[in-house]
Amino acid sequence: MRIIFVSPDGSERSISVREGMSIMAVATSNGIDGIVGECGGNAMCATCHVYISDERLKSLSEEEDELLEGTAEGRTSESRLGCQVKLTGDLDGLRVRLPARQV
């Protein structure tokens, strides 16, 4: 399966991923600029904030919703924490927009 990261300048990078990985893990292991992941994916820092407009995603957890209030870049209805989105086969081709800044 593949995931597509879209930088703030509009450039795109498509990466082949294994099911079960988080967006944050894919980004940090592939050197994607724009994802910091300071807490290592423990939903404690919001430095893996991304924008996703895709109806296939599960709803936000209460914890994720609270953390998104503290993002460096403005929160929108498409805001998610990359560490909390696990990639499954039904998300193949997911487009993930990166914010201009995380900290």
PDB file of N, CA and C in Angstrom:
ATOM      1  N   MET A   1       0.839  -1.180   0.000  1.00  0.00           N
ATOM      2  CA  MET A   1       0.000   0.000   0.000  1.00  0.00           C
ATOM      3  C   MET A   1       0.876   1.233   0.000  1.00  0.00           C
ATOM      4  N   ARG A   2       0.296   2.373  -0.364  1.00  0.00           N
ATOM      5  CA  ARG A   2       1.030   3.619  -0.485  1.00  0.00           C
ATOM      6  C   ARG A   2       0.348   4.739   0.297  1.00  0.00           C
ATOM      7  N   ILE A   3       1.172   5.688   0.730  1.00  0.00           N
ATOM      8  CA  ILE A   3       0.697   6.910   1.373  1.00  0.00           C
ATOM      9  C   ILE A   3       1.394   8.071   0.664  1.00  0.00           C
ATOM     10  N   ILE A   4       0.693   9.176   0.498  1.00  0.00           N
ATOM     11  CA  ILE A   4       1.245  10.327  -0.205  1.00  0.00           C
ATOM     12  C   ILE A   4       1.320  11.502   0.760  1.00  0.00           C
ATOM     13  N   PHE A   5       2.538  12.022   0.954  1.00  0.00           N
ATOM     14  CA  PHE A   5       2.744  13.196   1.786  1.00  0.00           C
ATOM     15  C   PHE A   5       2.799  14.418   0.878  1.00  0.00           C
ATOM     16  N   VAL A   6       2.047  15.447   1.235  1.00  0.00           N
ATOM     17  CA  VAL A   6       1.992  16.682   0.459  1.00  0.00           C
ATOM     18  C   VAL A   6       2.584  17.803   1.314  1.00  0.00           C
ATOM     19  N   SER A   7       3.694  18.369   0.851  1.00  0.00           N
ATOM     20  CA  SER A   7       4.364  19.456   1.566  1.00  0.00           C
ATOM     21  C   SER A   7       3.596  20.761   1.416  1.00  0.00           C
ATOM     22  N   PRO A   8       3.866  21.731   2.295  1.00  0.00           N
ATOM     23  CA  PRO A   8       3.187  23.019   2.193  1.00  0.00           C
ATOM     24  C   PRO A   8       3.378  23.704   0.832  1.00  0.00           C
ATOM     25  N   ASP A   9       4.484  23.415   0.147  1.00  0.00           N
ATOM     26  CA  ASP A   9       4.719  24.018  -1.177  1.00  0.00           C
ATOM     27  C   ASP A   9       4.015  23.264  -2.303  1.00  0.00           C
ATOM     28  N   GLY A  10       3.293  22.194  -1.952  1.00  0.00           N
ATOM     29  CA  GLY A  10       2.545  21.429  -2.941  1.00  0.00           C
ATOM     30  C   GLY A  10       3.273  20.234  -3.520  1.00  0.00           C
ATOM     31  N   SER A  11       4.564  20.086  -3.216  1.00  0.00           N
ATOM     32  CA  SER A  11       5.296  18.920  -3.714  1.00  0.00           C
ATOM     33  C   SER A  11       4.809  17.668  -2.994  1.00  0.00           C
ATOM     34  N   GLU A  12       4.876  16.542  -3.680  1.00  0.00           N
ATOM     35  CA  GLU A  12       4.358  15.286  -3.143  1.00  0.00           C
ATOM     36  C   GLU A  12       5.431  14.210  -3.110  1.00  0.00           C
ATOM     37  N   ARG A  13       5.298  13.317  -2.135  1.00  0.00           N
ATOM     38  CA  ARG A  13       6.180  12.153  -2.046  1.00  0.00           C
ATOM     39  C   ARG A  13       5.335  10.942  -1.690  1.00  0.00           C
ATOM     40  N   SER A  14       5.370   9.940  -2.550  1.00  0.00           N
ATOM     41  CA  SER A  14       4.612   8.712  -2.344  1.00  0.00           C
ATOM     42  C   SER A  14       5.541   7.664  -1.740  1.00  0.00           C
ATOM     43  N   ILE A  15       5.074   6.999  -0.687  1.00  0.00           N
ATOM     44  CA  ILE A  15       5.895   6.014   0.021  1.00  0.00           C
ATOM     45  C   ILE A  15       5.120   4.717   0.178  1.00  0.00           C
ATOM     46  N   SER A  16       5.788   3.614  -0.098  1.00  0.00           N
ATOM     47  CA  SER A  16       5.216   2.294   0.120  1.00  0.00           C
ATOM     48  C   SER A  16       5.319   1.969   1.611  1.00  0.00           C
ATOM     49  N   VAL A  17       4.216   1.520   2.210  1.00  0.00           N
ATOM     50  CA  VAL A  17       4.183   1.268   3.650  1.00  0.00           C
ATOM     51  C   VAL A  17       3.581  -0.102   3.965  1.00  0.00           C
ATOM     52  N   ARG A  18       3.888  -0.574   5.170  1.00  0.00           N
ATOM     53  CA  ARG A  18       3.281  -1.802   5.686  1.00  0.00           C
ATOM     54  C   ARG A  18       2.050  -1.443   6.496  1.00  0.00           C
ATOM     55  N   GLU A  19       1.063  -2.273   6.424  1.00  0.00           N
ATOM     56  CA  GLU A  19      -0.130  -2.067   7.250  1.00  0.00           C
ATOM     57  C   GLU A  19       0.260  -2.070   8.721  1.00  0.00           C
ATOM     58  N   GLY A  20      -0.464  -1.277   9.504  1.00  0.00           N
ATOM     59  CA  GLY A  20      -0.248  -1.240  10.945  1.00  0.00           C
ATOM     60  C   GLY A  20       0.675  -0.131  11.405  1.00  0.00           C
ATOM     61  N   MET A  21       1.443   0.464  10.476  1.00  0.00           N
ATOM     62  CA  MET A  21       2.321   1.569  10.855  1.00  0.00           C
ATOM     63  C   MET A  21       1.484   2.829  11.041  1.00  0.00           C
ATOM     64  N   SER A  22       1.973   3.743  11.853  1.00  0.00           N
ATOM     65  CA  SER A  22       1.304   5.033  11.993  1.00  0.00           C
ATOM     66  C   SER A  22       1.877   5.997  10.951  1.00  0.00           C
ATOM     67  N   ILE A  23       1.125   7.034  10.654  1.00  0.00           N
ATOM     68  CA  ILE A  23       1.613   8.055   9.734  1.00  0.00           C
ATOM     69  C   ILE A  23       2.911   8.647  10.258  1.00  0.00           C
ATOM     70  N   MET A  24       2.982   8.901  11.563  1.00  0.00           N
ATOM     71  CA  MET A  24       4.191   9.458  12.156  1.00  0.00           C
ATOM     72  C   MET A  24       5.392   8.539  11.961  1.00  0.00           C
ATOM     73  N   ALA A  25       5.213   7.240  12.188  1.00  0.00           N
ATOM     74  CA  ALA A  25       6.316   6.284  12.035  1.00  0.00           C
ATOM     75  C   ALA A  25       6.800   6.228  10.588  1.00  0.00           C
ATOM     76  N   VAL A  26       5.879   6.250   9.643  1.00  0.00           N
ATOM     77  CA  VAL A  26       6.254   6.253   8.231  1.00  0.00           C
ATOM     78  C   VAL A  26       7.046   7.510   7.917  1.00  0.00           C
ATOM     79  N   ALA A  27       6.560   8.662   8.380  1.00  0.00           N
ATOM     80  CA  ALA A  27       7.221   9.939   8.084  1.00  0.00           C
ATOM     81  C   ALA A  27       8.621  10.004   8.684  1.00  0.00           C
ATOM     82  N   THR A  28       8.756   9.655   9.949  1.00  0.00           N
ATOM     83  CA  THR A  28      10.066   9.773  10.587  1.00  0.00           C
ATOM     84  C   THR A  28      11.060   8.748  10.057  1.00  0.00           C
ATOM     85  N   SER A  29      10.604   7.564   9.697  1.00  0.00           N
ATOM     86  CA  SER A  29      11.524   6.549   9.177  1.00  0.00           C
ATOM     87  C   SER A  29      11.902   6.798   7.720  1.00  0.00           C
ATOM     88  N   ASN A  30      11.193   7.706   7.056  1.00  0.00           N
ATOM     89  CA  ASN A  30      11.490   8.018   5.654  1.00  0.00           C
ATOM     90  C   ASN A  30      11.967   9.449   5.454  1.00  0.00           C
ATOM     91  N   GLY A  31      12.318  10.122   6.542  1.00  0.00           N
ATOM     92  CA  GLY A  31      12.882  11.462   6.455  1.00  0.00           C
ATOM     93  C   GLY A  31      11.953  12.520   5.882  1.00  0.00           C
ATOM     94  N   ILE A  32      10.676  12.408   6.191  1.00  0.00           N
ATOM     95  CA  ILE A  32       9.714  13.396   5.718  1.00  0.00           C
ATOM     96  C   ILE A  32       9.841  14.656   6.575  1.00  0.00           C
ATOM     97  N   ASP A  33      10.221  15.774   5.947  1.00  0.00           N
ATOM     98  CA  ASP A  33      10.287  17.040   6.664  1.00  0.00           C
ATOM     99  C   ASP A  33       8.883  17.465   7.047  1.00  0.00           C
ATOM    100  N   GLY A  34       8.730  17.970   8.250  1.00  0.00           N
ATOM    101  CA  GLY A  34       7.431  18.458   8.677  1.00  0.00           C
ATOM    102  C   GLY A  34       6.777  17.596   9.732  1.00  0.00           C
ATOM    103  N   ILE A  35       7.345  16.440  10.025  1.00  0.00           N
ATOM    104  CA  ILE A  35       6.842  15.591  11.108  1.00  0.00           C
ATOM    105  C   ILE A  35       7.992  15.420  12.100  1.00  0.00           C
ATOM    106  N   VAL A  36       7.771  15.873  13.333  1.00  0.00           N
ATOM    107  CA  VAL A  36       8.820  15.809  14.349  1.00  0.00           C
ATOM    108  C   VAL A  36       8.656  14.564  15.212  1.00  0.00           C
ATOM    109  N   GLY A  37       7.498  14.385  15.809  1.00  0.00           N
ATOM    110  CA  GLY A  37       7.249  13.211  16.649  1.00  0.00           C
ATOM    111  C   GLY A  37       8.115  13.181  17.888  1.00  0.00           C
ATOM    112  N   GLU A  38       8.207  14.302  18.592  1.00  0.00           N
ATOM    113  CA  GLU A  38       9.065  14.412  19.773  1.00  0.00           C
ATOM    114  C   GLU A  38       8.787  13.360  20.836  1.00  0.00           C
ATOM    115  N   CYS A  39       7.539  12.974  21.015  1.00  0.00           N
ATOM    116  CA  CYS A  39       7.199  12.027  22.087  1.00  0.00           C
ATOM    117  C   CYS A  39       7.295  10.573  21.625  1.00  0.00           C
ATOM    118  N   GLY A  40       7.680  10.356  20.383  1.00  0.00           N
ATOM    119  CA  GLY A  40       7.846   8.989  19.886  1.00  0.00           C
ATOM    120  C   GLY A  40       6.541   8.280  19.588  1.00  0.00           C
ATOM    121  N   GLY A  41       5.476   9.015  19.429  1.00  0.00           N
ATOM    122  CA  GLY A  41       4.194   8.400  19.084  1.00  0.00           C
ATOM    123  C   GLY A  41       3.311   8.065  20.258  1.00  0.00           C
ATOM    124  N   ASN A  42       3.537   8.722  21.378  1.00  0.00           N
ATOM    125  CA  ASN A  42       2.756   8.445  22.589  1.00  0.00           C
ATOM    126  C   ASN A  42       1.612   9.421  22.830  1.00  0.00           C
ATOM    127  N   ALA A  43       1.235  10.186  21.812  1.00  0.00           N
ATOM    128  CA  ALA A  43       0.130  11.144  21.906  1.00  0.00           C
ATOM    129  C   ALA A  43       0.316  12.105  23.076  1.00  0.00           C
ATOM    130  N   MET A  44       1.504  12.724  23.136  1.00  0.00           N
ATOM    131  CA  MET A  44       1.797  13.641  24.229  1.00  0.00           C
ATOM    132  C   MET A  44       2.309  15.003  23.770  1.00  0.00           C
ATOM    133  N   CYS A  45       2.633  15.172  22.467  1.00  0.00           N
ATOM    134  CA  CYS A  45       3.301  16.419  22.086  1.00  0.00           C
ATOM    135  C   CYS A  45       2.663  17.173  20.922  1.00  0.00           C
ATOM    136  N   ALA A  46       1.906  16.538  20.089  1.00  0.00           N
ATOM    137  CA  ALA A  46       1.246  17.146  18.923  1.00  0.00           C
ATOM    138  C   ALA A  46       2.226  17.635  17.857  1.00  0.00           C
ATOM    139  N   THR A  47       3.458  17.112  17.832  1.00  0.00           N
ATOM    140  CA  THR A  47       4.419  17.517  16.792  1.00  0.00           C
ATOM    141  C   THR A  47       4.372  16.590  15.576  1.00  0.00           C
ATOM    142  N   CYS A  48       3.290  15.834  15.471  1.00  0.00           N
ATOM    143  CA  CYS A  48       3.044  15.013  14.278  1.00  0.00           C
ATOM    144  C   CYS A  48       1.709  15.410  13.657  1.00  0.00           C
ATOM    145  N   HIS A  49       1.314  16.655  13.917  1.00  0.00           N
ATOM    146  CA  HIS A  49       0.066  17.211  13.396  1.00  0.00           C
ATOM    147  C   HIS A  49       0.075  17.170  11.872  1.00  0.00           C
ATOM    148  N   VAL A  50      -0.998  16.662  11.285  1.00  0.00           N
ATOM    149  CA  VAL A  50      -1.159  16.617   9.830  1.00  0.00           C
ATOM    150  C   VAL A  50      -2.599  16.985   9.485  1.00  0.00           C
ATOM    151  N   TYR A  51      -2.829  17.213   8.202  1.00  0.00           N
ATOM    152  CA  TYR A  51      -4.176  17.490   7.710  1.00  0.00           C
ATOM    153  C   TYR A  51      -4.576  16.369   6.760  1.00  0.00           C
ATOM    154  N   ILE A  52      -5.736  15.769   7.011  1.00  0.00           N
ATOM    155  CA  ILE A  52      -6.229  14.683   6.166  1.00  0.00           C
ATOM    156  C   ILE A  52      -7.712  14.899   5.904  1.00  0.00           C
ATOM    157  N   SER A  53      -8.050  14.925   4.638  1.00  0.00           N
ATOM    158  CA  SER A  53      -9.455  15.030   4.248  1.00  0.00           C
ATOM    159  C   SER A  53      -9.832  13.698   3.603  1.00  0.00           C
ATOM    160  N   ASP A  54     -10.285  12.770   4.404  1.00  0.00           N
ATOM    161  CA  ASP A  54     -10.584  11.438   3.896  1.00  0.00           C
ATOM    162  C   ASP A  54     -11.635  10.796   4.783  1.00  0.00           C
ATOM    163  N   GLU A  55     -12.743  10.429   4.208  1.00  0.00           N
ATOM    164  CA  GLU A  55     -13.856   9.860   4.960  1.00  0.00           C
ATOM    165  C   GLU A  55     -13.574   8.459   5.483  1.00  0.00           C
ATOM    166  N   ARG A  56     -12.491   7.846   5.032  1.00  0.00           N
ATOM    167  CA  ARG A  56     -12.172   6.485   5.473  1.00  0.00           C
ATOM    168  C   ARG A  56     -11.579   6.441   6.883  1.00  0.00           C
ATOM    169  N   LEU A  57     -11.164   7.582   7.422  1.00  0.00           N
ATOM    170  CA  LEU A  57     -10.537   7.610   8.743  1.00  0.00           C
ATOM    171  C   LEU A  57     -11.549   7.393   9.855  1.00  0.00           C
ATOM    172  N   LYS A  58     -11.087   6.758  10.917  1.00  0.00           N
ATOM    173  CA  LYS A  58     -11.908   6.614  12.117  1.00  0.00           C
ATOM    174  C   LYS A  58     -11.997   7.962  12.819  1.00  0.00           C
ATOM    175  N   SER A  59     -12.963   8.116  13.679  1.00  0.00           N
ATOM    176  CA  SER A  59     -13.150   9.363  14.424  1.00  0.00           C
ATOM    177  C   SER A  59     -11.995   9.610  15.385  1.00  0.00           C
ATOM    178  N   LEU A  60     -11.841  10.879  15.753  1.00  0.00           N
ATOM    179  CA  LEU A  60     -10.839  11.264  16.742  1.00  0.00           C
ATOM    180  C   LEU A  60     -11.164  10.671  18.107  1.00  0.00           C
ATOM    181  N   SER A  61     -10.132  10.292  18.828  1.00  0.00           N
ATOM    182  CA  SER A  61     -10.343   9.913  20.228  1.00  0.00           C
ATOM    183  C   SER A  61     -10.400  11.213  21.036  1.00  0.00           C
ATOM    184  N   GLU A  62     -10.893  11.138  22.243  1.00  0.00           N
ATOM    185  CA  GLU A  62     -10.963  12.321  23.109  1.00  0.00           C
ATOM    186  C   GLU A  62      -9.556  12.864  23.374  1.00  0.00           C
ATOM    187  N   GLU A  63      -8.603  11.965  23.592  1.00  0.00           N
ATOM    188  CA  GLU A  63      -7.218  12.364  23.850  1.00  0.00           C
ATOM    189  C   GLU A  63      -6.621  13.107  22.652  1.00  0.00           C
ATOM    190  N   GLU A  64      -6.835  12.558  21.451  1.00  0.00           N
ATOM    191  CA  GLU A  64      -6.322  13.199  20.242  1.00  0.00           C
ATOM    192  C   GLU A  64      -6.968  14.566  20.055  1.00  0.00           C
ATOM    193  N   ASP A  65      -8.266  14.652  20.264  1.00  0.00           N
ATOM    194  CA  ASP A  65      -8.989  15.906  20.119  1.00  0.00           C
ATOM    195  C   ASP A  65      -8.411  16.978  21.047  1.00  0.00           C
ATOM    196  N   GLU A  66      -8.133  16.619  22.280  1.00  0.00           N
ATOM    197  CA  GLU A  66      -7.569  17.565  23.247  1.00  0.00           C
ATOM    198  C   GLU A  66      -6.176  18.027  22.827  1.00  0.00           C
ATOM    199  N   LEU A  67      -5.324  17.106  22.404  1.00  0.00           N
ATOM    200  CA  LEU A  67      -3.964  17.462  22.004  1.00  0.00           C
ATOM    201  C   LEU A  67      -3.933  18.372  20.779  1.00  0.00           C
ATOM    202  N   LEU A  68      -4.883  18.219  19.893  1.00  0.00           N
ATOM    203  CA  LEU A  68      -4.914  19.048  18.684  1.00  0.00           C
ATOM    204  C   LEU A  68      -5.187  20.522  18.996  1.00  0.00           C
ATOM    205  N   GLU A  69      -5.631  20.809  20.207  1.00  0.00           N
ATOM    206  CA  GLU A  69      -5.824  22.205  20.605  1.00  0.00           C
ATOM    207  C   GLU A  69      -4.495  22.929  20.783  1.00  0.00           C
ATOM    208  N   GLY A  70      -3.393  22.175  20.919  1.00  0.00           N
ATOM    209  CA  GLY A  70      -2.093  22.789  21.174  1.00  0.00           C
ATOM    210  C   GLY A  70      -1.119  22.699  20.019  1.00  0.00           C
ATOM    211  N   THR A  71      -1.600  22.600  18.799  1.00  0.00           N
ATOM    212  CA  THR A  71      -0.692  22.486  17.655  1.00  0.00           C
ATOM    213  C   THR A  71      -0.072  23.837  17.308  1.00  0.00           C
ATOM    214  N   ALA A  72       1.138  23.798  16.752  1.00  0.00           N
ATOM    215  CA  ALA A  72       1.838  25.020  16.359  1.00  0.00           C
ATOM    216  C   ALA A  72       1.154  25.688  15.170  1.00  0.00           C
ATOM    217  N   GLU A  73       0.700  24.904  14.240  1.00  0.00           N
ATOM    218  CA  GLU A  73      -0.008  25.400  13.057  1.00  0.00           C
ATOM    219  C   GLU A  73      -1.504  25.277  13.333  1.00  0.00           C
ATOM    220  N   GLY A  74      -2.293  26.144  12.775  1.00  0.00           N
ATOM    221  CA  GLY A  74      -3.722  26.192  13.058  1.00  0.00           C
ATOM    222  C   GLY A  74      -4.453  24.871  12.866  1.00  0.00           C
ATOM    223  N   ARG A  75      -5.310  24.571  13.800  1.00  0.00           N
ATOM    224  CA  ARG A  75      -6.143  23.370  13.734  1.00  0.00           C
ATOM    225  C   ARG A  75      -7.318  23.627  12.803  1.00  0.00           C
ATOM    226  N   THR A  76      -7.656  22.609  12.017  1.00  0.00           N
ATOM    227  CA  THR A  76      -8.834  22.673  11.152  1.00  0.00           C
ATOM    228  C   THR A  76      -9.656  21.409  11.367  1.00  0.00           C
ATOM    229  N   SER A  77     -10.750  21.293  10.662  1.00  0.00           N
ATOM    230  CA  SER A  77     -11.578  20.087  10.748  1.00  0.00           C
ATOM    231  C   SER A  77     -10.842  18.873  10.169  1.00  0.00           C
ATOM    232  N   GLU A  78      -9.754  19.088   9.430  1.00  0.00           N
ATOM    233  CA  GLU A  78      -8.970  17.998   8.842  1.00  0.00           C
ATOM    234  C   GLU A  78      -7.758  17.626   9.693  1.00  0.00           C
ATOM    235  N   SER A  79      -7.556  18.278  10.828  1.00  0.00           N
ATOM    236  CA  SER A  79      -6.396  18.033  11.682  1.00  0.00           C
ATOM    237  C   SER A  79      -6.447  16.662  12.332  1.00  0.00           C
ATOM    238  N   ARG A  80      -5.306  15.993  12.311  1.00  0.00           N
ATOM    239  CA  ARG A  80      -5.131  14.706  12.992  1.00  0.00           C
ATOM    240  C   ARG A  80      -3.716  14.643  13.540  1.00  0.00           C
ATOM    241  N   LEU A  81      -3.499  13.758  14.506  1.00  0.00           N
ATOM    242  CA  LEU A  81      -2.150  13.452  14.977  1.00  0.00           C
ATOM    243  C   LEU A  81      -1.677  12.222  14.210  1.00  0.00           C
ATOM    244  N   GLY A  82      -0.549  12.365  13.531  1.00  0.00           N
ATOM    245  CA  GLY A  82      -0.033  11.262  12.728  1.00  0.00           C
ATOM    246  C   GLY A  82       0.247  10.002  13.529  1.00  0.00           C
ATOM    247  N   CYS A  83       0.569  10.153  14.802  1.00  0.00           N
ATOM    248  CA  CYS A  83       0.854   8.975  15.638  1.00  0.00           C
ATOM    249  C   CYS A  83      -0.404   8.183  15.952  1.00  0.00           C
ATOM    250  N   GLN A  84      -1.565   8.794  15.802  1.00  0.00           N
ATOM    251  CA  GLN A  84      -2.818   8.137  16.150  1.00  0.00           C
ATOM    252  C   GLN A  84      -3.548   7.538  14.957  1.00  0.00           C
ATOM    253  N   VAL A  85      -3.021   7.753  13.751  1.00  0.00           N
ATOM    254  CA  VAL A  85      -3.644   7.192  12.549  1.00  0.00           C
ATOM    255  C   VAL A  85      -2.830   5.983  12.100  1.00  0.00           C
ATOM    256  N   LYS A  86      -3.376   4.804  12.332  1.00  0.00           N
ATOM    257  CA  LYS A  86      -2.731   3.557  11.911  1.00  0.00           C
ATOM    258  C   LYS A  86      -3.175   3.227  10.499  1.00  0.00           C
ATOM    259  N   LEU A  87      -2.226   2.861   9.670  1.00  0.00           N
ATOM    260  CA  LEU A  87      -2.513   2.610   8.258  1.00  0.00           C
ATOM    261  C   LEU A  87      -2.983   1.177   8.041  1.00  0.00           C
ATOM    262  N   THR A  88      -4.123   1.066   7.414  1.00  0.00           N
ATOM    263  CA  THR A  88      -4.712  -0.231   7.084  1.00  0.00           C
ATOM    264  C   THR A  88      -4.921  -0.284   5.576  1.00  0.00           C
ATOM    265  N   GLY A  89      -5.142  -1.459   5.059  1.00  0.00           N
ATOM    266  CA  GLY A  89      -5.305  -1.652   3.620  1.00  0.00           C
ATOM    267  C   GLY A  89      -6.379  -0.781   3.005  1.00  0.00           C
ATOM    268  N   ASP A  90      -7.418  -0.475   3.760  1.00  0.00           N
ATOM    269  CA  ASP A  90      -8.482   0.361   3.206  1.00  0.00           C
ATOM    270  C   ASP A  90      -8.091   1.835   3.112  1.00  0.00           C
ATOM    271  N   LEU A  91      -6.902   2.201   3.597  1.00  0.00           N
ATOM    272  CA  LEU A  91      -6.406   3.576   3.490  1.00  0.00           C
ATOM    273  C   LEU A  91      -5.354   3.725   2.391  1.00  0.00           C
ATOM    274  N   ASP A  92      -5.239   2.739   1.531  1.00  0.00           N
ATOM    275  CA  ASP A  92      -4.263   2.797   0.436  1.00  0.00           C
ATOM    276  C   ASP A  92      -4.481   4.076  -0.373  1.00  0.00           C
ATOM    277  N   GLY A  93      -3.392   4.792  -0.647  1.00  0.00           N
ATOM    278  CA  GLY A  93      -3.459   6.025  -1.420  1.00  0.00           C
ATOM    279  C   GLY A  93      -3.798   7.253  -0.594  1.00  0.00           C
ATOM    280  N   LEU A  94      -3.805   7.121   0.738  1.00  0.00           N
ATOM    281  CA  LEU A  94      -4.138   8.231   1.621  1.00  0.00           C
ATOM    282  C   LEU A  94      -3.226   9.429   1.353  1.00  0.00           C
ATOM    283  N   ARG A  95      -3.814  10.615   1.236  1.00  0.00           N
ATOM    284  CA  ARG A  95      -3.069  11.859   1.039  1.00  0.00           C
ATOM    285  C   ARG A  95      -3.006  12.586   2.377  1.00  0.00           C
ATOM    286  N   VAL A  96      -1.787  12.910   2.794  1.00  0.00           N
ATOM    287  CA  VAL A  96      -1.538  13.552   4.075  1.00  0.00           C
ATOM    288  C   VAL A  96      -0.849  14.887   3.815  1.00  0.00           C
ATOM    289  N   ARG A  97      -1.528  15.971   4.147  1.00  0.00           N
ATOM    290  CA  ARG A  97      -0.926  17.299   3.973  1.00  0.00           C
ATOM    291  C   ARG A  97      -0.169  17.682   5.245  1.00  0.00           C
ATOM    292  N   LEU A  98       1.044  18.201   5.054  1.00  0.00           N
ATOM    293  CA  LEU A  98       1.901  18.592   6.162  1.00  0.00           C
ATOM    294  C   LEU A  98       1.725  20.076   6.481  1.00  0.00           C
ATOM    295  N   PRO A  99       1.723  20.429   7.759  1.00  0.00           N
ATOM    296  CA  PRO A  99       1.638  21.847   8.127  1.00  0.00           C
ATOM    297  C   PRO A  99       2.973  22.547   7.857  1.00  0.00           C
ATOM    298  N   ALA A 100       2.950  23.857   7.811  1.00  0.00           N
ATOM    299  CA  ALA A 100       4.166  24.630   7.570  1.00  0.00           C
ATOM    300  C   ALA A 100       5.146  24.528   8.743  1.00  0.00           C
ATOM    301  N   ARG A 101       4.618  24.305   9.948  1.00  0.00           N
ATOM    302  CA  ARG A 101       5.501  24.174  11.119  1.00  0.00           C
ATOM    303  C   ARG A 101       4.859  23.280  12.173  1.00  0.00           C
ATOM    304  N   GLN A 102       5.719  22.683  13.002  1.00  0.00           N
ATOM    305  CA  GLN A 102       5.245  21.800  14.078  1.00  0.00           C
ATOM    306  C   GLN A 102       5.556  22.384  15.455  1.00  0.00           C
ATOM    307  N   VAL A 103       6.588  23.176  15.561  1.00  0.00           N
ATOM    308  CA  VAL A 103       6.981  23.724  16.876  1.00  0.00           C
ATOM    309  C   VAL A 103       7.162  25.224  16.789  1.00  0.00           C
TER     310      VAL A 103
END
